[in-house]
Amino acid sequence: MSALTKEKKAKLFEQFGGAASNTGSTDAQIALFTERINMLSSHLRENKKDHQCRRTLLTLVGKRKRLLNYLQHKDISEYRSLIEKLGIRK
């Protein structure tokens, strides 16, 4: 399992937050959580008994869900474009 490097995070923040320094943007946070969720999911496919990883995964899913709900109420068009870009909520 490869961790998110500074370069990967900066690229995500630049792509979804507008600038690499805009780390607090809702879109950027959701993109970061999605990236981490995908990494943990692939790790759990190989290591089924890693319960700490499973707990972390569930925590991240919950955080992302809360942010998505916030974004949905704040700006529905931005919400729809973000889930389309990230490929979540099929």
PDB file of N, CA and C in Angstrom:
ATOM      1  N   MET A   1       0.860  -1.182   0.000  1.00  0.00           N
ATOM      2  CA  MET A   1       0.000   0.000   0.000  1.00  0.00           C
ATOM      3  C   MET A   1       0.894   1.229   0.000  1.00  0.00           C
ATOM      4  N   SER A   2       0.797   2.013  -1.037  1.00  0.00           N
ATOM      5  CA  SER A   2       1.607   3.219  -1.116  1.00  0.00           C
ATOM      6  C   SER A   2       0.830   4.399  -0.530  1.00  0.00           C
ATOM      7  N   ALA A   3       1.510   5.156   0.298  1.00  0.00           N
ATOM      8  CA  ALA A   3       0.869   6.299   0.946  1.00  0.00           C
ATOM      9  C   ALA A   3       0.741   7.458  -0.036  1.00  0.00           C
ATOM     10  N   LEU A   4      -0.119   8.382   0.304  1.00  0.00           N
ATOM     11  CA  LEU A   4      -0.250   9.587  -0.518  1.00  0.00           C
ATOM     12  C   LEU A   4       0.952  10.481  -0.271  1.00  0.00           C
ATOM     13  N   THR A   5       1.687  10.770  -1.311  1.00  0.00           N
ATOM     14  CA  THR A   5       2.847  11.638  -1.174  1.00  0.00           C
ATOM     15  C   THR A   5       2.416  13.095  -1.245  1.00  0.00           C
ATOM     16  N   LYS A   6       3.347  13.979  -0.908  1.00  0.00           N
ATOM     17  CA  LYS A   6       3.055  15.410  -0.975  1.00  0.00           C
ATOM     18  C   LYS A   6       2.684  15.825  -2.396  1.00  0.00           C
ATOM     19  N   GLU A   7       3.362  15.225  -3.368  1.00  0.00           N
ATOM     20  CA  GLU A   7       3.110  15.572  -4.757  1.00  0.00           C
ATOM     21  C   GLU A   7       1.696  15.149  -5.187  1.00  0.00           C
ATOM     22  N   LYS A   8       1.287  13.935  -4.764  1.00  0.00           N
ATOM     23  CA  LYS A   8      -0.056  13.475  -5.108  1.00  0.00           C
ATOM     24  C   LYS A   8      -1.120  14.360  -4.481  1.00  0.00           C
ATOM     25  N   LYS A   9      -0.895  14.728  -3.202  1.00  0.00           N
ATOM     26  CA  LYS A   9      -1.855  15.587  -2.514  1.00  0.00           C
ATOM     27  C   LYS A   9      -1.934  16.955  -3.184  1.00  0.00           C
ATOM     28  N   ALA A  10      -0.773  17.521  -3.509  1.00  0.00           N
ATOM     29  CA  ALA A  10      -0.743  18.834  -4.156  1.00  0.00           C
ATOM     30  C   ALA A  10      -1.474  18.785  -5.496  1.00  0.00           C
ATOM     31  N   LYS A  11      -1.287  17.690  -6.231  1.00  0.00           N
ATOM     32  CA  LYS A  11      -1.956  17.537  -7.525  1.00  0.00           C
ATOM     33  C   LYS A  11      -3.474  17.461  -7.345  1.00  0.00           C
ATOM     34  N   LEU A  12      -3.918  16.694  -6.333  1.00  0.00           N
ATOM     35  CA  LEU A  12      -5.352  16.598  -6.044  1.00  0.00           C
ATOM     36  C   LEU A  12      -5.930  17.951  -5.655  1.00  0.00           C
ATOM     37  N   PHE A  13      -5.229  18.667  -4.772  1.00  0.00           N
ATOM     38  CA  PHE A  13      -5.718  19.972  -4.319  1.00  0.00           C
ATOM     39  C   PHE A  13      -5.748  20.976  -5.459  1.00  0.00           C
ATOM     40  N   GLU A  14      -4.767  20.881  -6.351  1.00  0.00           N
ATOM     41  CA  GLU A  14      -4.742  21.793  -7.496  1.00  0.00           C
ATOM     42  C   GLU A  14      -5.879  21.486  -8.466  1.00  0.00           C
ATOM     43  N   GLN A  15      -6.141  20.198  -8.658  1.00  0.00           N
ATOM     44  CA  GLN A  15      -7.181  19.791  -9.602  1.00  0.00           C
ATOM     45  C   GLN A  15      -8.573  20.115  -9.080  1.00  0.00           C
ATOM     46  N   PHE A  16      -8.819  19.867  -7.799  1.00  0.00           N
ATOM     47  CA  PHE A  16     -10.173  20.024  -7.273  1.00  0.00           C
ATOM     48  C   PHE A  16     -10.356  21.279  -6.435  1.00  0.00           C
ATOM     49  N   GLY A  17      -9.282  21.824  -5.867  1.00  0.00           N
ATOM     50  CA  GLY A  17      -9.408  22.997  -5.018  1.00  0.00           C
ATOM     51  C   GLY A  17      -9.073  24.296  -5.713  1.00  0.00           C
ATOM     52  N   GLY A  18      -8.499  24.225  -6.899  1.00  0.00           N
ATOM     53  CA  GLY A  18      -8.156  25.432  -7.638  1.00  0.00           C
ATOM     54  C   GLY A  18      -6.689  25.785  -7.526  1.00  0.00           C
ATOM     55  N   ALA A  19      -6.082  25.539  -6.353  1.00  0.00           N
ATOM     56  CA  ALA A  19      -4.656  25.807  -6.146  1.00  0.00           C
ATOM     57  C   ALA A  19      -4.121  24.753  -5.182  1.00  0.00           C
ATOM     58  N   ALA A  20      -2.820  24.507  -5.250  1.00  0.00           N
ATOM     59  CA  ALA A  20      -2.224  23.493  -4.388  1.00  0.00           C
ATOM     60  C   ALA A  20      -2.297  23.892  -2.920  1.00  0.00           C
ATOM     61  N   SER A  21      -2.408  25.185  -2.653  1.00  0.00           N
ATOM     62  CA  SER A  21      -2.464  25.656  -1.266  1.00  0.00           C
ATOM     63  C   SER A  21      -3.892  25.689  -0.723  1.00  0.00           C
ATOM     64  N   ASN A  22      -4.889  25.443  -1.569  1.00  0.00           N
ATOM     65  CA  ASN A  22      -6.285  25.484  -1.149  1.00  0.00           C
ATOM     66  C   ASN A  22      -6.696  24.111  -0.613  1.00  0.00           C
ATOM     67  N   THR A  23      -6.172  23.753   0.563  1.00  0.00           N
ATOM     68  CA  THR A  23      -6.404  22.427   1.108  1.00  0.00           C
ATOM     69  C   THR A  23      -7.722  22.320   1.855  1.00  0.00           C
ATOM     70  N   GLY A  24      -8.368  23.428   2.164  1.00  0.00           N
ATOM     71  CA  GLY A  24      -9.598  23.399   2.930  1.00  0.00           C
ATOM     72  C   GLY A  24     -10.852  23.362   2.087  1.00  0.00           C
ATOM     73  N   SER A  25     -10.714  23.432   0.788  1.00  0.00           N
ATOM     74  CA  SER A  25     -11.865  23.401  -0.109  1.00  0.00           C
ATOM     75  C   SER A  25     -12.644  22.099   0.078  1.00  0.00           C
ATOM     76  N   THR A  26     -13.957  22.187   0.081  1.00  0.00           N
ATOM     77  CA  THR A  26     -14.797  21.009   0.252  1.00  0.00           C
ATOM     78  C   THR A  26     -14.533  19.997  -0.863  1.00  0.00           C
ATOM     79  N   ASP A  27     -14.435  20.478  -2.077  1.00  0.00           N
ATOM     80  CA  ASP A  27     -14.183  19.584  -3.219  1.00  0.00           C
ATOM     81  C   ASP A  27     -12.841  18.864  -3.064  1.00  0.00           C
ATOM     82  N   ALA A  28     -11.829  19.609  -2.647  1.00  0.00           N
ATOM     83  CA  ALA A  28     -10.498  19.026  -2.491  1.00  0.00           C
ATOM     84  C   ALA A  28     -10.484  17.991  -1.373  1.00  0.00           C
ATOM     85  N   GLN A  29     -11.183  18.265  -0.276  1.00  0.00           N
ATOM     86  CA  GLN A  29     -11.243  17.316   0.832  1.00  0.00           C
ATOM     87  C   GLN A  29     -11.950  16.032   0.402  1.00  0.00           C
ATOM     88  N   ILE A  30     -13.034  16.162  -0.336  1.00  0.00           N
ATOM     89  CA  ILE A  30     -13.764  14.984  -0.804  1.00  0.00           C
ATOM     90  C   ILE A  30     -12.888  14.170  -1.755  1.00  0.00           C
ATOM     91  N   ALA A  31     -12.143  14.845  -2.626  1.00  0.00           N
ATOM     92  CA  ALA A  31     -11.252  14.145  -3.553  1.00  0.00           C
ATOM     93  C   ALA A  31     -10.150  13.404  -2.793  1.00  0.00           C
ATOM     94  N   LEU A  32      -9.614  14.047  -1.753  1.00  0.00           N
ATOM     95  CA  LEU A  32      -8.576  13.412  -0.943  1.00  0.00           C
ATOM     96  C   LEU A  32      -9.124  12.179  -0.226  1.00  0.00           C
ATOM     97  N   PHE A  33     -10.303  12.313   0.370  1.00  0.00           N
ATOM     98  CA  PHE A  33     -10.918  11.171   1.043  1.00  0.00           C
ATOM     99  C   PHE A  33     -11.190  10.044   0.058  1.00  0.00           C
ATOM    100  N   THR A  34     -11.642  10.370  -1.136  1.00  0.00           N
ATOM    101  CA  THR A  34     -11.936   9.354  -2.147  1.00  0.00           C
ATOM    102  C   THR A  34     -10.664   8.601  -2.533  1.00  0.00           C
ATOM    103  N   GLU A  35      -9.577   9.338  -2.689  1.00  0.00           N
ATOM    104  CA  GLU A  35      -8.295   8.703  -3.032  1.00  0.00           C
ATOM    105  C   GLU A  35      -7.862   7.740  -1.930  1.00  0.00           C
ATOM    106  N   ARG A  36      -7.971   8.186  -0.682  1.00  0.00           N
ATOM    107  CA  ARG A  36      -7.588   7.334   0.449  1.00  0.00           C
ATOM    108  C   ARG A  36      -8.517   6.128   0.572  1.00  0.00           C
ATOM    109  N   ILE A  37      -9.816   6.323   0.327  1.00  0.00           N
ATOM    110  CA  ILE A  37     -10.774   5.220   0.381  1.00  0.00           C
ATOM    111  C   ILE A  37     -10.439   4.174  -0.669  1.00  0.00           C
ATOM    112  N   ASN A  38     -10.091   4.614  -1.863  1.00  0.00           N
ATOM    113  CA  ASN A  38      -9.727   3.667  -2.926  1.00  0.00           C
ATOM    114  C   ASN A  38      -8.476   2.874  -2.557  1.00  0.00           C
ATOM    115  N   MET A  39      -7.496   3.546  -1.949  1.00  0.00           N
ATOM    116  CA  MET A  39      -6.264   2.858  -1.541  1.00  0.00           C
ATOM    117  C   MET A  39      -6.552   1.824  -0.457  1.00  0.00           C
ATOM    118  N   LEU A  40      -7.347   2.213   0.543  1.00  0.00           N
ATOM    119  CA  LEU A  40      -7.659   1.292   1.634  1.00  0.00           C
ATOM    120  C   LEU A  40      -8.512   0.124   1.155  1.00  0.00           C
ATOM    121  N   SER A  41      -9.400   0.379   0.213  1.00  0.00           N
ATOM    122  CA  SER A  41     -10.239  -0.698  -0.325  1.00  0.00           C
ATOM    123  C   SER A  41      -9.391  -1.746  -1.033  1.00  0.00           C
ATOM    124  N   SER A  42      -8.421  -1.292  -1.813  1.00  0.00           N
ATOM    125  CA  SER A  42      -7.562  -2.251  -2.505  1.00  0.00           C
ATOM    126  C   SER A  42      -6.689  -3.011  -1.502  1.00  0.00           C
ATOM    127  N   HIS A  43      -6.263  -2.357  -0.428  1.00  0.00           N
ATOM    128  CA  HIS A  43      -5.484  -3.026   0.615  1.00  0.00           C
ATOM    129  C   HIS A  43      -6.325  -4.109   1.302  1.00  0.00           C
ATOM    130  N   LEU A  44      -7.600  -3.782   1.569  1.00  0.00           N
ATOM    131  CA  LEU A  44      -8.463  -4.736   2.263  1.00  0.00           C
ATOM    132  C   LEU A  44      -8.839  -5.932   1.401  1.00  0.00           C
ATOM    133  N   ARG A  45      -8.782  -5.790   0.085  1.00  0.00           N
ATOM    134  CA  ARG A  45      -9.061  -6.946  -0.778  1.00  0.00           C
ATOM    135  C   ARG A  45      -8.010  -8.031  -0.577  1.00  0.00           C
ATOM    136  N   GLU A  46      -6.775  -7.606  -0.299  1.00  0.00           N
ATOM    137  CA  GLU A  46      -5.687  -8.565  -0.105  1.00  0.00           C
ATOM    138  C   GLU A  46      -5.532  -8.975   1.359  1.00  0.00           C
ATOM    139  N   ASN A  47      -5.862  -8.077   2.296  1.00  0.00           N
ATOM    140  CA  ASN A  47      -5.673  -8.320   3.726  1.00  0.00           C
ATOM    141  C   ASN A  47      -7.018  -8.240   4.428  1.00  0.00           C
ATOM    142  N   LYS A  48      -7.778  -9.294   4.326  1.00  0.00           N
ATOM    143  CA  LYS A  48      -9.155  -9.294   4.809  1.00  0.00           C
ATOM    144  C   LYS A  48      -9.264  -9.165   6.328  1.00  0.00           C
ATOM    145  N   LYS A  49      -8.247  -9.536   7.058  1.00  0.00           N
ATOM    146  CA  LYS A  49      -8.328  -9.524   8.517  1.00  0.00           C
ATOM    147  C   LYS A  49      -7.739  -8.262   9.142  1.00  0.00           C
ATOM    148  N   ASP A  50      -7.413  -7.270   8.345  1.00  0.00           N
ATOM    149  CA  ASP A  50      -6.859  -6.015   8.858  1.00  0.00           C
ATOM    150  C   ASP A  50      -8.004  -5.139   9.363  1.00  0.00           C
ATOM    151  N   HIS A  51      -8.372  -5.339  10.621  1.00  0.00           N
ATOM    152  CA  HIS A  51      -9.547  -4.666  11.154  1.00  0.00           C
ATOM    153  C   HIS A  51      -9.306  -3.181  11.418  1.00  0.00           C
ATOM    154  N   GLN A  52      -8.090  -2.791  11.743  1.00  0.00           N
ATOM    155  CA  GLN A  52      -7.801  -1.369  11.952  1.00  0.00           C
ATOM    156  C   GLN A  52      -7.964  -0.602  10.635  1.00  0.00           C
ATOM    157  N   CYS A  53      -7.533  -1.216   9.553  1.00  0.00           N
ATOM    158  CA  CYS A  53      -7.695  -0.600   8.235  1.00  0.00           C
ATOM    159  C   CYS A  53      -9.181  -0.480   7.896  1.00  0.00           C
ATOM    160  N   ARG A  54      -9.953  -1.506   8.238  1.00  0.00           N
ATOM    161  CA  ARG A  54     -11.399  -1.480   7.981  1.00  0.00           C
ATOM    162  C   ARG A  54     -12.063  -0.351   8.753  1.00  0.00           C
ATOM    163  N   ARG A  55     -11.647  -0.170  10.006  1.00  0.00           N
ATOM    164  CA  ARG A  55     -12.196   0.903  10.834  1.00  0.00           C
ATOM    165  C   ARG A  55     -11.865   2.270  10.238  1.00  0.00           C
ATOM    166  N   THR A  56     -10.624   2.435   9.809  1.00  0.00           N
ATOM    167  CA  THR A  56     -10.206   3.690   9.177  1.00  0.00           C
ATOM    168  C   THR A  56     -11.016   3.944   7.910  1.00  0.00           C
ATOM    169  N   LEU A  57     -11.229   2.892   7.128  1.00  0.00           N
ATOM    170  CA  LEU A  57     -12.010   3.013   5.898  1.00  0.00           C
ATOM    171  C   LEU A  57     -13.425   3.483   6.200  1.00  0.00           C
ATOM    172  N   LEU A  58     -14.068   2.880   7.193  1.00  0.00           N
ATOM    173  CA  LEU A  58     -15.434   3.265   7.536  1.00  0.00           C
ATOM    174  C   LEU A  58     -15.491   4.704   8.047  1.00  0.00           C
ATOM    175  N   THR A  59     -14.471   5.118   8.801  1.00  0.00           N
ATOM    176  CA  THR A  59     -14.412   6.498   9.282  1.00  0.00           C
ATOM    177  C   THR A  59     -14.316   7.475   8.119  1.00  0.00           C
ATOM    178  N   LEU A  60     -13.449   7.160   7.151  1.00  0.00           N
ATOM    179  CA  LEU A  60     -13.293   8.039   5.983  1.00  0.00           C
ATOM    180  C   LEU A  60     -14.566   8.093   5.142  1.00  0.00           C
ATOM    181  N   VAL A  61     -15.236   6.971   5.011  1.00  0.00           N
ATOM    182  CA  VAL A  61     -16.483   6.941   4.241  1.00  0.00           C
ATOM    183  C   VAL A  61     -17.514   7.848   4.908  1.00  0.00           C
ATOM    184  N   GLY A  62     -17.583   7.797   6.228  1.00  0.00           N
ATOM    185  CA  GLY A  62     -18.519   8.650   6.961  1.00  0.00           C
ATOM    186  C   GLY A  62     -18.194  10.130   6.818  1.00  0.00           C
ATOM    187  N   LYS A  63     -16.911  10.467   6.904  1.00  0.00           N
ATOM    188  CA  LYS A  63     -16.498  11.871   6.743  1.00  0.00           C
ATOM    189  C   LYS A  63     -16.830  12.373   5.337  1.00  0.00           C
ATOM    190  N   ARG A  64     -16.541  11.527   4.342  1.00  0.00           N
ATOM    191  CA  ARG A  64     -16.823  11.932   2.965  1.00  0.00           C
ATOM    192  C   ARG A  64     -18.320  12.106   2.750  1.00  0.00           C
ATOM    193  N   LYS A  65     -19.112  11.230   3.357  1.00  0.00           N
ATOM    194  CA  LYS A  65     -20.561  11.326   3.220  1.00  0.00           C
ATOM    195  C   LYS A  65     -21.074  12.637   3.811  1.00  0.00           C
ATOM    196  N   ARG A  66     -20.552  13.018   4.983  1.00  0.00           N
ATOM    197  CA  ARG A  66     -20.978  14.276   5.597  1.00  0.00           C
ATOM    198  C   ARG A  66     -20.607  15.468   4.729  1.00  0.00           C
ATOM    199  N   LEU A  67     -19.400  15.453   4.161  1.00  0.00           N
ATOM    200  CA  LEU A  67     -18.986  16.555   3.286  1.00  0.00           C
ATOM    201  C   LEU A  67     -19.834  16.597   2.020  1.00  0.00           C
ATOM    202  N   LEU A  68     -20.155  15.432   1.471  1.00  0.00           N
ATOM    203  CA  LEU A  68     -20.995  15.391   0.270  1.00  0.00           C
ATOM    204  C   LEU A  68     -22.390  15.919   0.563  1.00  0.00           C
ATOM    205  N   ASN A  69     -22.936  15.581   1.731  1.00  0.00           N
ATOM    206  CA  ASN A  69     -24.251  16.110   2.106  1.00  0.00           C
ATOM    207  C   ASN A  69     -24.206  17.623   2.238  1.00  0.00           C
ATOM    208  N   TYR A  70     -23.137  18.138   2.842  1.00  0.00           N
ATOM    209  CA  TYR A  70     -22.965  19.588   2.982  1.00  0.00           C
ATOM    210  C   TYR A  70     -22.917  20.249   1.606  1.00  0.00           C
ATOM    211  N   LEU A  71     -22.114  19.680   0.714  1.00  0.00           N
ATOM    212  CA  LEU A  71     -21.969  20.251  -0.626  1.00  0.00           C
ATOM    213  C   LEU A  71     -23.282  20.160  -1.408  1.00  0.00           C
ATOM    214  N   GLN A  72     -24.031  19.090  -1.206  1.00  0.00           N
ATOM    215  CA  GLN A  72     -25.299  18.923  -1.907  1.00  0.00           C
ATOM    216  C   GLN A  72     -26.287  20.020  -1.495  1.00  0.00           C
ATOM    217  N   HIS A  73     -26.315  20.358  -0.216  1.00  0.00           N
ATOM    218  CA  HIS A  73     -27.229  21.404   0.246  1.00  0.00           C
ATOM    219  C   HIS A  73     -26.737  22.795  -0.129  1.00  0.00           C
ATOM    220  N   LYS A  74     -25.411  22.953  -0.212  1.00  0.00           N
ATOM    221  CA  LYS A  74     -24.833  24.266  -0.498  1.00  0.00           C
ATOM    222  C   LYS A  74     -24.903  24.605  -1.990  1.00  0.00           C
ATOM    223  N   ASP A  75     -24.490  23.649  -2.846  1.00  0.00           N
ATOM    224  CA  ASP A  75     -24.420  23.914  -4.286  1.00  0.00           C
ATOM    225  C   ASP A  75     -24.634  22.604  -5.045  1.00  0.00           C
ATOM    226  N   ILE A  76     -25.865  22.375  -5.476  1.00  0.00           N
ATOM    227  CA  ILE A  76     -26.227  21.087  -6.081  1.00  0.00           C
ATOM    228  C   ILE A  76     -25.504  20.849  -7.408  1.00  0.00           C
ATOM    229  N   SER A  77     -25.266  21.887  -8.195  1.00  0.00           N
ATOM    230  CA  SER A  77     -24.587  21.698  -9.483  1.00  0.00           C
ATOM    231  C   SER A  77     -23.120  21.308  -9.273  1.00  0.00           C
ATOM    232  N   GLU A  78     -22.476  21.926  -8.292  1.00  0.00           N
ATOM    233  CA  GLU A  78     -21.084  21.577  -7.969  1.00  0.00           C
ATOM    234  C   GLU A  78     -21.013  20.138  -7.455  1.00  0.00           C
ATOM    235  N   TYR A  79     -21.991  19.758  -6.651  1.00  0.00           N
ATOM    236  CA  TYR A  79     -22.075  18.393  -6.112  1.00  0.00           C
ATOM    237  C   TYR A  79     -22.177  17.384  -7.250  1.00  0.00           C
ATOM    238  N   ARG A  80     -23.071  17.650  -8.196  1.00  0.00           N
ATOM    239  CA  ARG A  80     -23.261  16.708  -9.312  1.00  0.00           C
ATOM    240  C   ARG A  80     -22.025  16.594 -10.184  1.00  0.00           C
ATOM    241  N   SER A  81     -21.353  17.712 -10.433  1.00  0.00           N
ATOM    242  CA  SER A  81     -20.150  17.647 -11.263  1.00  0.00           C
ATOM    243  C   SER A  81     -19.020  16.922 -10.532  1.00  0.00           C
ATOM    244  N   LEU A  82     -18.938  17.105  -9.206  1.00  0.00           N
ATOM    245  CA  LEU A  82     -17.875  16.449  -8.441  1.00  0.00           C
ATOM    246  C   LEU A  82     -18.062  14.935  -8.405  1.00  0.00           C
ATOM    247  N   ILE A  83     -19.283  14.466  -8.160  1.00  0.00           N
ATOM    248  CA  ILE A  83     -19.470  13.016  -8.121  1.00  0.00           C
ATOM    249  C   ILE A  83     -19.282  12.395  -9.501  1.00  0.00           C
ATOM    250  N   GLU A  84     -19.543  13.184 -10.532  1.00  0.00           N
ATOM    251  CA  GLU A  84     -19.290  12.703 -11.901  1.00  0.00           C
ATOM    252  C   GLU A  84     -17.782  12.565 -12.145  1.00  0.00           C
ATOM    253  N   LYS A  85     -17.007  13.582 -11.720  1.00  0.00           N
ATOM    254  CA  LYS A  85     -15.548  13.548 -11.902  1.00  0.00           C
ATOM    255  C   LYS A  85     -14.906  12.412 -11.128  1.00  0.00           C
ATOM    256  N   LEU A  86     -15.360  12.205  -9.890  1.00  0.00           N
ATOM    257  CA  LEU A  86     -14.745  11.202  -9.029  1.00  0.00           C
ATOM    258  C   LEU A  86     -15.281   9.798  -9.265  1.00  0.00           C
ATOM    259  N   GLY A  87     -16.424   9.699  -9.937  1.00  0.00           N
ATOM    260  CA  GLY A  87     -16.985   8.387 -10.233  1.00  0.00           C
ATOM    261  C   GLY A  87     -17.578   7.702  -9.004  1.00  0.00           C
ATOM    262  N   ILE A  88     -18.226   8.491  -8.130  1.00  0.00           N
ATOM    263  CA  ILE A  88     -18.860   7.912  -6.947  1.00  0.00           C
ATOM    264  C   ILE A  88     -20.359   8.076  -7.062  1.00  0.00           C
ATOM    265  N   ARG A  89     -21.088   7.352  -6.257  1.00  0.00           N
ATOM    266  CA  ARG A  89     -22.561   7.378  -6.262  1.00  0.00           C
ATOM    267  C   ARG A  89     -23.123   7.085  -7.646  1.00  0.00           C
ATOM    268  N   LYS A  90     -22.900   5.887  -8.086  1.00  0.00           N
ATOM    269  CA  LYS A  90     -23.287   5.516  -9.440  1.00  0.00           C
ATOM    270  C   LYS A  90     -24.747   5.668  -9.683  1.00  0.00           C
TER     271      LYS A  90
END
